[in-house]
Every structure is written in C-alpha cells, then in structure tokens.
Amino acid sequence: MISGKEVALQRKLKIEPIEGSYNSYAVNEKEKRDWSGSVYLACVAAIIAIAFFS
C-alpha cells in the first residue's frame, strides 16, 4: 500500500574496515535470519503427524 506518509525505518548496519586501505570502511546491513519458512514447515509437519497418528 502506498501512502503519502514517510515511515522512519531503523536499519542495523555492520561497519568493517577494508584490509589494505587507510580510513576506508565497508558498510553492510546486518542480516536477520528468516524463520518464517521453518515455522511454516514445522506447522505442516505437525498437521501431517496429527492426521497420521489419529
């Protein structure tokens, strides 16, 4: 959904010095683990196990 309001997002950055350079840094976003696929798989496995054993 597109709205005219701006939303302030806070990003977690990881700043690392670049080897072999003077005062140069690499700025990367910290990666978060995506657990949604694992949670979905666990729910499907639980439903199949309940159906199988009942």
N, C-alpha and C. Protein backbone atom coordinates (compact mmCIF):
# COMPACT_ATOMS: atom_id res chain seq x y z
N MET A 1 0.85 -1.17 0.00
CA MET A 1 0.00 0.00 0.00
C MET A 1 0.90 1.24 0.00
N ILE A 2 0.60 2.14 -0.86
CA ILE A 2 1.39 3.36 -0.98
C ILE A 2 0.62 4.50 -0.32
N SER A 3 1.30 5.20 0.56
CA SER A 3 0.67 6.36 1.19
C SER A 3 1.63 7.53 1.12
N GLY A 4 1.12 8.70 1.41
CA GLY A 4 1.94 9.89 1.35
C GLY A 4 2.77 10.11 2.60
N LYS A 5 2.66 9.21 3.58
CA LYS A 5 3.38 9.39 4.84
C LYS A 5 4.74 8.70 4.78
N GLU A 6 5.72 9.37 5.31
CA GLU A 6 7.04 8.76 5.39
C GLU A 6 7.15 7.95 6.67
N VAL A 7 7.78 6.81 6.57
CA VAL A 7 7.96 5.94 7.72
C VAL A 7 9.45 5.85 8.00
N ALA A 8 9.82 6.15 9.24
CA ALA A 8 11.24 6.09 9.61
C ALA A 8 11.60 4.64 9.92
N LEU A 9 12.52 4.11 9.16
CA LEU A 9 12.99 2.75 9.37
C LEU A 9 14.39 2.79 9.96
N GLN A 10 14.60 2.00 10.99
CA GLN A 10 15.93 1.92 11.57
C GLN A 10 16.59 0.67 11.02
N ARG A 11 17.74 0.87 10.38
CA ARG A 11 18.47 -0.26 9.83
C ARG A 11 19.67 -0.54 10.70
N LYS A 12 19.99 -1.81 10.84
CA LYS A 12 21.18 -2.19 11.59
C LYS A 12 22.32 -2.35 10.60
N LEU A 13 23.35 -1.56 10.79
CA LEU A 13 24.48 -1.58 9.88
C LEU A 13 25.70 -2.23 10.53
N LYS A 14 26.49 -2.90 9.71
CA LYS A 14 27.73 -3.50 10.16
C LYS A 14 28.86 -2.80 9.41
N ILE A 15 29.72 -2.12 10.14
CA ILE A 15 30.81 -1.36 9.53
C ILE A 15 32.12 -2.09 9.79
N GLU A 16 32.82 -2.44 8.69
CA GLU A 16 34.08 -3.18 8.80
C GLU A 16 35.17 -2.43 8.04
N PRO A 17 36.37 -2.36 8.63
CA PRO A 17 37.47 -1.73 7.89
C PRO A 17 37.90 -2.60 6.71
N ILE A 18 38.26 -1.95 5.61
CA ILE A 18 38.73 -2.66 4.43
C ILE A 18 40.22 -2.91 4.57
N GLU A 19 40.62 -4.17 4.40
CA GLU A 19 42.03 -4.53 4.57
C GLU A 19 42.87 -3.87 3.48
N GLY A 20 44.04 -3.41 3.86
CA GLY A 20 44.96 -2.83 2.91
C GLY A 20 44.65 -1.41 2.50
N SER A 21 43.70 -0.76 3.17
CA SER A 21 43.39 0.62 2.84
C SER A 21 43.44 1.47 4.11
N TYR A 22 43.54 2.76 3.92
CA TYR A 22 43.63 3.68 5.04
C TYR A 22 42.33 4.46 5.15
N ASN A 23 41.67 4.35 6.29
CA ASN A 23 40.40 5.05 6.55
C ASN A 23 39.31 4.72 5.55
N SER A 24 39.23 3.47 5.10
CA SER A 24 38.16 3.04 4.23
C SER A 24 37.39 1.93 4.93
N TYR A 25 36.09 2.02 4.86
CA TYR A 25 35.24 1.06 5.56
C TYR A 25 34.15 0.53 4.62
N ALA A 26 33.77 -0.70 4.83
CA ALA A 26 32.65 -1.30 4.10
C ALA A 26 31.43 -1.25 5.02
N VAL A 27 30.33 -0.75 4.50
CA VAL A 27 29.10 -0.63 5.28
C VAL A 27 28.11 -1.65 4.72
N ASN A 28 27.72 -2.60 5.55
CA ASN A 28 26.77 -3.64 5.16
C ASN A 28 25.62 -3.69 6.15
N GLU A 29 24.48 -4.10 5.67
CA GLU A 29 23.35 -4.27 6.58
C GLU A 29 23.48 -5.62 7.27
N LYS A 30 23.18 -5.64 8.57
CA LYS A 30 23.19 -6.90 9.29
C LYS A 30 22.02 -7.73 8.81
N GLU A 31 22.30 -8.99 8.56
CA GLU A 31 21.25 -9.86 8.06
C GLU A 31 20.51 -10.51 9.21
N LYS A 32 19.21 -10.55 9.09
CA LYS A 32 18.38 -11.23 10.07
C LYS A 32 18.04 -12.60 9.53
N ARG A 33 17.94 -13.56 10.41
CA ARG A 33 17.53 -14.89 9.98
C ARG A 33 16.04 -14.89 9.70
N ASP A 34 15.67 -15.53 8.62
CA ASP A 34 14.26 -15.62 8.25
C ASP A 34 13.73 -16.96 8.74
N TRP A 35 12.96 -16.92 9.81
CA TRP A 35 12.44 -18.14 10.42
C TRP A 35 11.07 -18.50 9.87
N SER A 36 10.47 -17.70 9.03
CA SER A 36 9.10 -17.95 8.59
C SER A 36 8.99 -19.26 7.83
N GLY A 37 9.96 -19.60 7.00
CA GLY A 37 9.92 -20.86 6.26
C GLY A 37 10.00 -22.06 7.18
N SER A 38 10.85 -21.97 8.20
CA SER A 38 11.00 -23.08 9.14
C SER A 38 9.74 -23.25 10.00
N VAL A 39 9.13 -22.14 10.41
CA VAL A 39 7.91 -22.21 11.21
C VAL A 39 6.78 -22.82 10.37
N TYR A 40 6.68 -22.41 9.12
CA TYR A 40 5.66 -22.94 8.22
C TYR A 40 5.86 -24.45 8.03
N LEU A 41 7.08 -24.88 7.80
CA LEU A 41 7.38 -26.29 7.62
C LEU A 41 7.05 -27.09 8.88
N ALA A 42 7.36 -26.56 10.05
CA ALA A 42 7.06 -27.25 11.31
C ALA A 42 5.55 -27.39 11.51
N CYS A 43 4.78 -26.38 11.15
CA CYS A 43 3.32 -26.45 11.28
C CYS A 43 2.75 -27.50 10.34
N VAL A 44 3.22 -27.55 9.11
CA VAL A 44 2.75 -28.54 8.15
C VAL A 44 3.11 -29.94 8.63
N ALA A 45 4.34 -30.12 9.14
CA ALA A 45 4.76 -31.43 9.64
C ALA A 45 3.91 -31.86 10.83
N ALA A 46 3.58 -30.92 11.72
CA ALA A 46 2.74 -31.23 12.89
C ALA A 46 1.33 -31.64 12.44
N ILE A 47 0.77 -30.96 11.46
CA ILE A 47 -0.57 -31.30 10.98
C ILE A 47 -0.56 -32.68 10.33
N ILE A 48 0.46 -32.99 9.56
CA ILE A 48 0.55 -34.31 8.94
C ILE A 48 0.73 -35.39 9.99
N ALA A 49 1.55 -35.13 11.02
CA ALA A 49 1.75 -36.11 12.07
C ALA A 49 0.47 -36.37 12.86
N ILE A 50 -0.29 -35.32 13.15
CA ILE A 50 -1.56 -35.48 13.87
C ILE A 50 -2.54 -36.28 13.02
N ALA A 51 -2.61 -35.98 11.72
CA ALA A 51 -3.52 -36.71 10.84
C ALA A 51 -3.11 -38.17 10.71
N PHE A 52 -1.81 -38.43 10.68
CA PHE A 52 -1.31 -39.79 10.52
C PHE A 52 -1.57 -40.63 11.76
N PHE A 53 -1.38 -40.09 12.96
CA PHE A 53 -1.50 -40.85 14.20
C PHE A 53 -2.90 -40.87 14.79
N SER A 54 -3.84 -40.14 14.19
CA SER A 54 -5.20 -40.17 14.75
C SER A 54 -6.15 -40.93 13.87
